[in-house]
Amino acid sequence: MDGTKRSQINIGSKVLVVQKQHQRTGELTEGVVKRILTNSAQHPHGIKVMLENDIVGRVKEVK
């Protein structure tokens, strides 16, 4: 699943995110969702989340 719909992402979900500084390269970081930061139901670039290691990024894939 892609990460554009908030309903597909839950706290505790394992996801791949792209951090702001890696948007040009597309480098992905794997982690577990600690907080969902985007309030809207969907976002074209991915829902913004905070991982358990405090990394913030937009979800590109839900595992």
N, C-alpha and C. Protein backbone atom coordinates (compact mmCIF):
# COMPACT_ATOMS: atom_id res chain seq x y z
N MET A 1 0.85 -1.19 0.00
CA MET A 1 0.00 0.00 0.00
C MET A 1 0.89 1.25 0.00
N ASP A 2 0.43 2.25 -0.70
CA ASP A 2 1.16 3.52 -0.66
C ASP A 2 0.69 4.30 0.58
N GLY A 3 1.36 5.36 0.89
CA GLY A 3 1.09 6.09 2.13
C GLY A 3 0.30 7.36 1.96
N THR A 4 -0.57 7.42 0.94
CA THR A 4 -1.28 8.67 0.69
C THR A 4 -2.60 8.79 1.44
N LYS A 5 -3.11 7.70 2.01
CA LYS A 5 -4.38 7.74 2.74
C LYS A 5 -4.14 7.50 4.23
N ARG A 6 -4.63 8.41 5.05
CA ARG A 6 -4.42 8.34 6.50
C ARG A 6 -5.04 7.08 7.11
N SER A 7 -6.17 6.63 6.52
CA SER A 7 -6.89 5.47 7.06
C SER A 7 -6.08 4.17 6.96
N GLN A 8 -5.07 4.13 6.09
CA GLN A 8 -4.26 2.92 5.91
C GLN A 8 -3.08 2.86 6.89
N ILE A 9 -2.87 3.94 7.65
CA ILE A 9 -1.71 4.03 8.53
C ILE A 9 -2.18 4.07 9.98
N ASN A 10 -1.61 3.20 10.81
CA ASN A 10 -1.95 3.17 12.22
C ASN A 10 -0.70 3.30 13.05
N ILE A 11 -0.86 3.74 14.29
CA ILE A 11 0.27 3.76 15.22
C ILE A 11 0.71 2.31 15.43
N GLY A 12 1.99 2.08 15.30
CA GLY A 12 2.52 0.72 15.40
C GLY A 12 2.73 0.05 14.05
N SER A 13 2.27 0.69 12.96
CA SER A 13 2.47 0.14 11.62
C SER A 13 3.93 0.25 11.21
N LYS A 14 4.43 -0.76 10.50
CA LYS A 14 5.78 -0.71 9.94
C LYS A 14 5.68 -0.05 8.57
N VAL A 15 6.47 1.01 8.35
CA VAL A 15 6.37 1.80 7.14
C VAL A 15 7.76 2.15 6.59
N LEU A 16 7.78 2.59 5.34
CA LEU A 16 8.96 3.19 4.72
C LEU A 16 8.65 4.65 4.50
N VAL A 17 9.52 5.54 4.98
CA VAL A 17 9.30 6.98 4.84
C VAL A 17 10.48 7.61 4.12
N VAL A 18 10.21 8.76 3.50
CA VAL A 18 11.28 9.58 2.93
C VAL A 18 11.37 10.84 3.78
N GLN A 19 12.58 11.12 4.28
CA GLN A 19 12.80 12.32 5.09
C GLN A 19 12.96 13.53 4.18
N LYS A 20 12.72 14.71 4.72
CA LYS A 20 12.79 15.96 3.95
C LYS A 20 14.12 16.09 3.21
N GLN A 21 15.23 15.81 3.89
CA GLN A 21 16.55 15.98 3.27
C GLN A 21 16.85 14.91 2.22
N HIS A 22 16.03 13.85 2.13
CA HIS A 22 16.25 12.78 1.15
C HIS A 22 15.22 12.78 0.04
N GLN A 23 14.40 13.83 -0.06
CA GLN A 23 13.36 13.85 -1.08
C GLN A 23 13.93 13.80 -2.50
N ARG A 24 15.05 14.47 -2.74
CA ARG A 24 15.65 14.47 -4.08
C ARG A 24 16.19 13.09 -4.45
N THR A 25 16.83 12.40 -3.51
CA THR A 25 17.42 11.10 -3.80
C THR A 25 16.39 9.98 -3.69
N GLY A 26 15.34 10.19 -2.89
CA GLY A 26 14.32 9.15 -2.70
C GLY A 26 14.73 8.08 -1.72
N GLU A 27 15.79 8.35 -0.94
CA GLU A 27 16.26 7.37 0.04
C GLU A 27 15.19 7.12 1.10
N LEU A 28 14.85 5.84 1.33
CA LEU A 28 13.79 5.48 2.25
C LEU A 28 14.35 4.99 3.58
N THR A 29 13.61 5.26 4.64
CA THR A 29 13.96 4.83 5.99
C THR A 29 12.82 3.98 6.52
N GLU A 30 13.14 2.80 7.06
CA GLU A 30 12.12 1.91 7.61
C GLU A 30 11.96 2.17 9.10
N GLY A 31 10.73 2.09 9.58
CA GLY A 31 10.49 2.27 11.00
C GLY A 31 9.05 1.98 11.37
N VAL A 32 8.75 2.19 12.66
CA VAL A 32 7.42 1.94 13.21
C VAL A 32 6.80 3.28 13.59
N VAL A 33 5.54 3.50 13.20
CA VAL A 33 4.86 4.77 13.43
C VAL A 33 4.61 5.00 14.92
N LYS A 34 5.07 6.16 15.40
CA LYS A 34 4.84 6.59 16.78
C LYS A 34 3.69 7.60 16.83
N ARG A 35 3.68 8.56 15.87
CA ARG A 35 2.62 9.58 15.78
C ARG A 35 2.31 9.85 14.33
N ILE A 36 1.04 10.16 14.06
CA ILE A 36 0.62 10.59 12.73
C ILE A 36 0.49 12.11 12.79
N LEU A 37 1.25 12.81 11.94
CA LEU A 37 1.32 14.27 12.02
C LEU A 37 0.39 14.98 11.04
N THR A 38 -0.01 14.31 9.96
CA THR A 38 -0.92 14.92 8.99
C THR A 38 -2.36 14.75 9.47
N ASN A 39 -3.12 15.84 9.49
CA ASN A 39 -4.51 15.78 9.95
C ASN A 39 -5.50 15.44 8.85
N SER A 40 -5.18 15.77 7.60
CA SER A 40 -6.13 15.54 6.51
C SER A 40 -6.23 14.04 6.19
N ALA A 41 -7.31 13.64 5.53
CA ALA A 41 -7.58 12.23 5.22
C ALA A 41 -6.60 11.66 4.21
N GLN A 42 -6.08 12.52 3.33
CA GLN A 42 -5.08 12.05 2.36
C GLN A 42 -4.16 13.18 1.96
N HIS A 43 -3.00 12.80 1.44
CA HIS A 43 -2.01 13.78 0.99
C HIS A 43 -1.29 13.17 -0.21
N PRO A 44 -1.17 13.92 -1.31
CA PRO A 44 -0.58 13.35 -2.53
C PRO A 44 0.88 12.91 -2.40
N HIS A 45 1.63 13.51 -1.48
CA HIS A 45 3.05 13.16 -1.31
C HIS A 45 3.27 12.18 -0.17
N GLY A 46 2.21 11.76 0.49
CA GLY A 46 2.32 10.80 1.60
C GLY A 46 1.99 11.46 2.93
N ILE A 47 1.43 10.68 3.83
CA ILE A 47 1.06 11.16 5.16
C ILE A 47 2.34 11.35 5.98
N LYS A 48 2.45 12.48 6.65
CA LYS A 48 3.64 12.76 7.47
C LYS A 48 3.48 12.08 8.82
N VAL A 49 4.51 11.34 9.23
CA VAL A 49 4.49 10.61 10.50
C VAL A 49 5.81 10.81 11.24
N MET A 50 5.77 10.51 12.53
CA MET A 50 6.99 10.44 13.34
C MET A 50 7.20 8.97 13.70
N LEU A 51 8.40 8.48 13.46
CA LEU A 51 8.73 7.10 13.79
C LEU A 51 9.15 6.99 15.25
N GLU A 52 9.26 5.76 15.75
CA GLU A 52 9.63 5.55 17.16
C GLU A 52 11.01 6.09 17.49
N ASN A 53 11.89 6.24 16.49
CA ASN A 53 13.23 6.81 16.73
C ASN A 53 13.24 8.31 16.46
N ASP A 54 12.04 8.94 16.44
CA ASP A 54 11.83 10.39 16.30
C ASP A 54 12.20 10.94 14.92
N ILE A 55 12.36 10.09 13.92
CA ILE A 55 12.54 10.55 12.54
C ILE A 55 11.18 10.94 11.99
N VAL A 56 11.12 12.09 11.31
CA VAL A 56 9.88 12.56 10.69
C VAL A 56 10.02 12.43 9.19
N GLY A 57 8.99 11.90 8.55
CA GLY A 57 9.01 11.77 7.10
C GLY A 57 7.63 11.47 6.56
N ARG A 58 7.54 11.43 5.24
CA ARG A 58 6.28 11.11 4.56
C ARG A 58 6.28 9.65 4.16
N VAL A 59 5.16 8.97 4.44
CA VAL A 59 5.05 7.53 4.18
C VAL A 59 4.99 7.28 2.68
N LYS A 60 5.87 6.43 2.21
CA LYS A 60 5.87 6.01 0.81
C LYS A 60 5.31 4.60 0.65
N GLU A 61 5.42 3.78 1.70
CA GLU A 61 4.92 2.41 1.62
C GLU A 61 4.57 1.92 3.01
N VAL A 62 3.44 1.21 3.12
CA VAL A 62 3.04 0.55 4.37
C VAL A 62 3.32 -0.92 4.20
N LYS A 63 4.08 -1.50 5.11
CA LYS A 63 4.44 -2.92 5.01
C LYS A 63 3.40 -3.81 5.63
